[in-house]
Amino acid sequence: MITEKIKTLPELKKIVTALKSKGKKIAFTNGCFDILHYGHAKYLEDAKKKADVLIVAVNSDSSIRRIKGPSRPVVREQDRLRLIVALESVDYALLFNADTPFAVIKALKPDVLIKGADWDKNKIVGGDFVTSYGGTVSTVTLVPGRSTSSLIQEIIKRYTR
């Protein structure tokens, strides 16, 4: 079942410890993943290639509203979380309520921290922490023209004539 891939932070800490003891490399990324599209799927597929295990932290609804405004998210947090874990490339996911994933990164200590190439590697939240213990920060090329914001704009354009 896909919901077995959804974990709490304490559960993931135990899982990560066990996986690392077996020599597994852990990658971590996060995002809103509102209105899941091909760009998201490709991003997570490419992120998975950087490690043995991919953990994805998904912003809660309240977190997204604080970051993107009151009209977002379009898709509710539990649905977004379930869609993310339904992807083959994602090994585990959790929901987080903060504006940044720093506390999650600090708790899990991933080997690789990943964000989209639209981020400056030196400004990725948690990057300094991850490199402080020998981890790496990596970016993944995004699919041009694929974003939730552009998808929302296209829907508005098509259905408000």
C-alpha atoms as a PDB file:
ATOM      1  CA  MET A   1       0.000   0.000   0.000  1.00  0.00           C
ATOM      2  CA  ILE A   2       1.224   3.457  -0.843  1.00  0.00           C
ATOM      3  CA  THR A   3       0.220   4.849   2.546  1.00  0.00           C
ATOM      4  CA  GLU A   4       2.884   2.616   4.154  1.00  0.00           C
ATOM      5  CA  LYS A   5       5.441   4.997   2.664  1.00  0.00           C
ATOM      6  CA  ILE A   6       3.999   7.924   4.682  1.00  0.00           C
ATOM      7  CA  LYS A   7       5.861   8.294   7.968  1.00  0.00           C
ATOM      8  CA  THR A   8       6.176  10.619  10.932  1.00  0.00           C
ATOM      9  CA  LEU A   9       9.498  12.280  11.679  1.00  0.00           C
ATOM     10  CA  PRO A  10      10.268   9.949  14.636  1.00  0.00           C
ATOM     11  CA  GLU A  11       9.513   6.922  12.438  1.00  0.00           C
ATOM     12  CA  LEU A  12      11.757   8.251   9.672  1.00  0.00           C
ATOM     13  CA  LYS A  13      14.617   8.926  12.081  1.00  0.00           C
ATOM     14  CA  LYS A  14      14.615   5.228  13.036  1.00  0.00           C
ATOM     15  CA  ILE A  15      14.332   4.121   9.420  1.00  0.00           C
ATOM     16  CA  VAL A  16      17.182   6.391   8.309  1.00  0.00           C
ATOM     17  CA  THR A  17      19.431   5.152  11.127  1.00  0.00           C
ATOM     18  CA  ALA A  18      18.765   1.537  10.129  1.00  0.00           C
ATOM     19  CA  LEU A  19      19.319   2.240   6.425  1.00  0.00           C
ATOM     20  CA  LYS A  20      22.563   4.122   7.034  1.00  0.00           C
ATOM     21  CA  SER A  21      23.848   1.254   9.190  1.00  0.00           C
ATOM     22  CA  LYS A  22      23.413  -0.922   6.085  1.00  0.00           C
ATOM     23  CA  GLY A  23      25.437   1.532   3.989  1.00  0.00           C
ATOM     24  CA  LYS A  24      22.479   3.078   2.182  1.00  0.00           C
ATOM     25  CA  LYS A  25      22.764   6.636   0.869  1.00  0.00           C
ATOM     26  CA  ILE A  26      19.815   8.873   1.830  1.00  0.00           C
ATOM     27  CA  ALA A  27      18.569  11.766  -0.320  1.00  0.00           C
ATOM     28  CA  PHE A  28      16.125  14.399   0.881  1.00  0.00           C
ATOM     29  CA  THR A  29      14.031  16.990  -0.876  1.00  0.00           C
ATOM     30  CA  ASN A  30      10.910  18.968  -0.117  1.00  0.00           C
ATOM     31  CA  GLY A  31       8.204  20.973  -1.764  1.00  0.00           C
ATOM     32  CA  CYS A  32       4.550  21.893  -2.024  1.00  0.00           C
ATOM     33  CA  PHE A  33       3.727  19.572  -4.938  1.00  0.00           C
ATOM     34  CA  ASP A  34       0.396  21.311  -5.497  1.00  0.00           C
ATOM     35  CA  ILE A  35      -1.356  20.028  -8.642  1.00  0.00           C
ATOM     36  CA  LEU A  36       1.085  17.215  -9.362  1.00  0.00           C
ATOM     37  CA  HIS A  37       2.439  17.363 -12.928  1.00  0.00           C
ATOM     38  CA  TYR A  38       5.177  15.893 -15.123  1.00  0.00           C
ATOM     39  CA  GLY A  39       7.758  18.403 -13.884  1.00  0.00           C
ATOM     40  CA  HIS A  40       7.294  17.096 -10.347  1.00  0.00           C
ATOM     41  CA  ALA A  41       7.552  13.448 -11.444  1.00  0.00           C
ATOM     42  CA  LYS A  42      10.733  14.076 -13.461  1.00  0.00           C
ATOM     43  CA  TYR A  43      12.284  16.120 -10.631  1.00  0.00           C
ATOM     44  CA  LEU A  44      11.706  13.314  -8.116  1.00  0.00           C
ATOM     45  CA  GLU A  45      12.888  10.655 -10.563  1.00  0.00           C
ATOM     46  CA  ASP A  46      16.144  12.573 -11.090  1.00  0.00           C
ATOM     47  CA  ALA A  47      16.515  13.173  -7.339  1.00  0.00           C
ATOM     48  CA  LYS A  48      16.183   9.432  -6.684  1.00  0.00           C
ATOM     49  CA  LYS A  49      19.164   8.771  -8.988  1.00  0.00           C
ATOM     50  CA  LYS A  50      21.408  10.579  -6.491  1.00  0.00           C
ATOM     51  CA  ALA A  51      20.952   8.057  -3.657  1.00  0.00           C
ATOM     52  CA  ASP A  52      19.572   4.672  -2.648  1.00  0.00           C
ATOM     53  CA  VAL A  53      16.598   6.098  -0.760  1.00  0.00           C
ATOM     54  CA  LEU A  54      14.583   9.264  -1.464  1.00  0.00           C
ATOM     55  CA  ILE A  55      12.669  11.002   1.318  1.00  0.00           C
ATOM     56  CA  VAL A  56      10.292  13.811   0.407  1.00  0.00           C
ATOM     57  CA  ALA A  57       8.940  16.357   2.887  1.00  0.00           C
ATOM     58  CA  VAL A  58       5.641  17.859   1.722  1.00  0.00           C
ATOM     59  CA  ASN A  59       4.535  21.285   2.948  1.00  0.00           C
ATOM     60  CA  SER A  60       1.276  21.310   4.912  1.00  0.00           C
ATOM     61  CA  ASP A  61      -1.683  23.369   3.705  1.00  0.00           C
ATOM     62  CA  SER A  62      -1.060  26.070   6.325  1.00  0.00           C
ATOM     63  CA  SER A  63       2.631  26.230   5.415  1.00  0.00           C
ATOM     64  CA  ILE A  64       1.783  26.744   1.728  1.00  0.00           C
ATOM     65  CA  ARG A  65      -0.744  29.476   2.557  1.00  0.00           C
ATOM     66  CA  ARG A  66       1.949  31.346   4.496  1.00  0.00           C
ATOM     67  CA  ILE A  67       4.438  30.979   1.638  1.00  0.00           C
ATOM     68  CA  LYS A  68       2.248  31.311  -1.477  1.00  0.00           C
ATOM     69  CA  GLY A  69      -0.840  33.155  -0.258  1.00  0.00           C
ATOM     70  CA  PRO A  70      -4.461  32.372   0.667  1.00  0.00           C
ATOM     71  CA  SER A  71      -5.476  30.896  -2.705  1.00  0.00           C
ATOM     72  CA  ARG A  72      -3.027  27.996  -2.380  1.00  0.00           C
ATOM     73  CA  PRO A  73      -2.823  25.095  -2.157  1.00  0.00           C
ATOM     74  CA  VAL A  74      -5.361  23.879  -4.667  1.00  0.00           C
ATOM     75  CA  VAL A  75      -4.981  20.224  -3.627  1.00  0.00           C
ATOM     76  CA  ARG A  76      -5.299  19.283   0.066  1.00  0.00           C
ATOM     77  CA  GLU A  77      -2.255  18.095   2.013  1.00  0.00           C
ATOM     78  CA  GLN A  78      -3.343  14.477   2.485  1.00  0.00           C
ATOM     79  CA  ASP A  79      -4.061  14.107  -1.232  1.00  0.00           C
ATOM     80  CA  ARG A  80      -0.726  15.713  -2.167  1.00  0.00           C
ATOM     81  CA  LEU A  81       1.108  13.461   0.271  1.00  0.00           C
ATOM     82  CA  ARG A  82      -0.593  10.330  -1.083  1.00  0.00           C
ATOM     83  CA  LEU A  83       0.148  11.305  -4.684  1.00  0.00           C
ATOM     84  CA  ILE A  84       3.836  11.841  -3.864  1.00  0.00           C
ATOM     85  CA  VAL A  85       4.235   8.406  -2.248  1.00  0.00           C
ATOM     86  CA  ALA A  86       2.407   6.815  -5.189  1.00  0.00           C
ATOM     87  CA  LEU A  87       5.415   7.709  -7.343  1.00  0.00           C
ATOM     88  CA  GLU A  88       7.888   4.859  -7.771  1.00  0.00           C
ATOM     89  CA  SER A  89      10.876   7.148  -7.195  1.00  0.00           C
ATOM     90  CA  VAL A  90       9.736   8.154  -3.698  1.00  0.00           C
ATOM     91  CA  ASP A  91      10.641   5.768  -0.880  1.00  0.00           C
ATOM     92  CA  TYR A  92       9.182   7.734   2.046  1.00  0.00           C
ATOM     93  CA  ALA A  93       7.376  11.001   2.623  1.00  0.00           C
ATOM     94  CA  LEU A  94       6.210  13.090   5.518  1.00  0.00           C
ATOM     95  CA  LEU A  95       4.158  16.223   6.022  1.00  0.00           C
ATOM     96  CA  PHE A  96       5.750  19.258   7.665  1.00  0.00           C
ATOM     97  CA  ASN A  97       4.125  22.428   8.931  1.00  0.00           C
ATOM     98  CA  ALA A  98       7.036  24.880   9.125  1.00  0.00           C
ATOM     99  CA  ASP A  99       7.935  27.461   6.492  1.00  0.00           C
ATOM    100  CA  THR A 100      11.235  25.648   5.841  1.00  0.00           C
ATOM    101  CA  PRO A 101      12.263  21.999   6.191  1.00  0.00           C
ATOM    102  CA  PHE A 102      15.298  22.818   8.353  1.00  0.00           C
ATOM    103  CA  ALA A 103      14.085  20.917  11.438  1.00  0.00           C
ATOM    104  CA  VAL A 104      13.372  17.835   9.313  1.00  0.00           C
ATOM    105  CA  ILE A 105      16.793  18.040   7.643  1.00  0.00           C
ATOM    106  CA  LYS A 106      18.460  18.437  11.042  1.00  0.00           C
ATOM    107  CA  ALA A 107      16.624  15.400  12.418  1.00  0.00           C
ATOM    108  CA  LEU A 108      17.266  13.103   9.430  1.00  0.00           C
ATOM    109  CA  LYS A 109      20.801  14.186   8.460  1.00  0.00           C
ATOM    110  CA  PRO A 110      20.499  13.113   4.817  1.00  0.00           C
ATOM    111  CA  ASP A 111      23.593  12.307   2.764  1.00  0.00           C
ATOM    112  CA  VAL A 112      22.307  14.394  -0.134  1.00  0.00           C
ATOM    113  CA  LEU A 113      20.075  17.478   0.042  1.00  0.00           C
ATOM    114  CA  ILE A 114      18.355  18.169  -3.275  1.00  0.00           C
ATOM    115  CA  LYS A 115      16.437  21.111  -4.716  1.00  0.00           C
ATOM    116  CA  GLY A 116      15.580  22.303  -8.207  1.00  0.00           C
ATOM    117  CA  ALA A 117      18.214  24.048 -10.300  1.00  0.00           C
ATOM    118  CA  ASP A 118      16.247  27.296  -9.910  1.00  0.00           C
ATOM    119  CA  TRP A 119      17.758  27.472  -6.392  1.00  0.00           C
ATOM    120  CA  ASP A 120      21.211  28.926  -5.750  1.00  0.00           C
ATOM    121  CA  LYS A 121      23.084  26.001  -4.127  1.00  0.00           C
ATOM    122  CA  ASN A 122      24.489  28.397  -1.508  1.00  0.00           C
ATOM    123  CA  LYS A 123      20.993  29.496  -0.459  1.00  0.00           C
ATOM    124  CA  ILE A 124      19.306  26.109  -0.088  1.00  0.00           C
ATOM    125  CA  VAL A 125      17.842  25.817   3.409  1.00  0.00           C
ATOM    126  CA  GLY A 126      19.860  23.292   5.411  1.00  0.00           C
ATOM    127  CA  GLY A 127      22.709  23.217   2.913  1.00  0.00           C
ATOM    128  CA  ASP A 128      25.320  24.497   5.352  1.00  0.00           C
ATOM    129  CA  PHE A 129      24.171  21.978   7.953  1.00  0.00           C
ATOM    130  CA  VAL A 130      24.336  19.043   5.514  1.00  0.00           C
ATOM    131  CA  THR A 131      27.821  19.948   4.298  1.00  0.00           C
ATOM    132  CA  SER A 132      28.999  20.414   7.914  1.00  0.00           C
ATOM    133  CA  TYR A 133      28.894  16.641   8.483  1.00  0.00           C
ATOM    134  CA  GLY A 134      30.148  15.638   5.027  1.00  0.00           C
ATOM    135  CA  GLY A 135      26.865  15.487   3.128  1.00  0.00           C
ATOM    136  CA  THR A 136      26.363  17.114  -0.245  1.00  0.00           C
ATOM    137  CA  VAL A 137      23.949  19.635  -1.709  1.00  0.00           C
ATOM    138  CA  SER A 138      22.756  18.954  -5.233  1.00  0.00           C
ATOM    139  CA  THR A 139      20.374  20.491  -7.724  1.00  0.00           C
ATOM    140  CA  VAL A 140      18.210  18.842 -10.353  1.00  0.00           C
ATOM    141  CA  THR A 141      17.395  20.398 -13.715  1.00  0.00           C
ATOM    142  CA  LEU A 142      13.742  21.358 -13.977  1.00  0.00           C
ATOM    143  CA  VAL A 143      11.533  20.619 -16.955  1.00  0.00           C
ATOM    144  CA  PRO A 144      11.085  23.937 -18.805  1.00  0.00           C
ATOM    145  CA  GLY A 145       7.580  25.376 -18.761  1.00  0.00           C
ATOM    146  CA  ARG A 146       6.279  22.950 -16.150  1.00  0.00           C
ATOM    147  CA  SER A 147       5.135  24.528 -12.900  1.00  0.00           C
ATOM    148  CA  THR A 148       2.011  24.578 -10.795  1.00  0.00           C
ATOM    149  CA  SER A 149       1.746  28.352 -11.201  1.00  0.00           C
ATOM    150  CA  SER A 150       1.848  28.120 -15.011  1.00  0.00           C
ATOM    151  CA  LEU A 151      -0.683  25.282 -14.905  1.00  0.00           C
ATOM    152  CA  ILE A 152      -3.046  27.378 -12.769  1.00  0.00           C
ATOM    153  CA  GLN A 153      -2.667  30.303 -15.184  1.00  0.00           C
ATOM    154  CA  GLU A 154      -3.456  28.046 -18.149  1.00  0.00           C
ATOM    155  CA  ILE A 155      -6.591  26.722 -16.405  1.00  0.00           C
ATOM    156  CA  ILE A 156      -7.736  30.280 -15.638  1.00  0.00           C
ATOM    157  CA  LYS A 157      -7.083  31.354 -19.237  1.00  0.00           C
ATOM    158  CA  ARG A 158      -9.023  28.440 -20.711  1.00  0.00           C
ATOM    159  CA  TYR A 159     -12.015  28.548 -18.370  1.00  0.00           C
ATOM    160  CA  THR A 160     -12.621  32.265 -17.840  1.00  0.00           C
ATOM    161  CA  ARG A 161     -13.441  33.324 -21.393  1.00  0.00           C
END
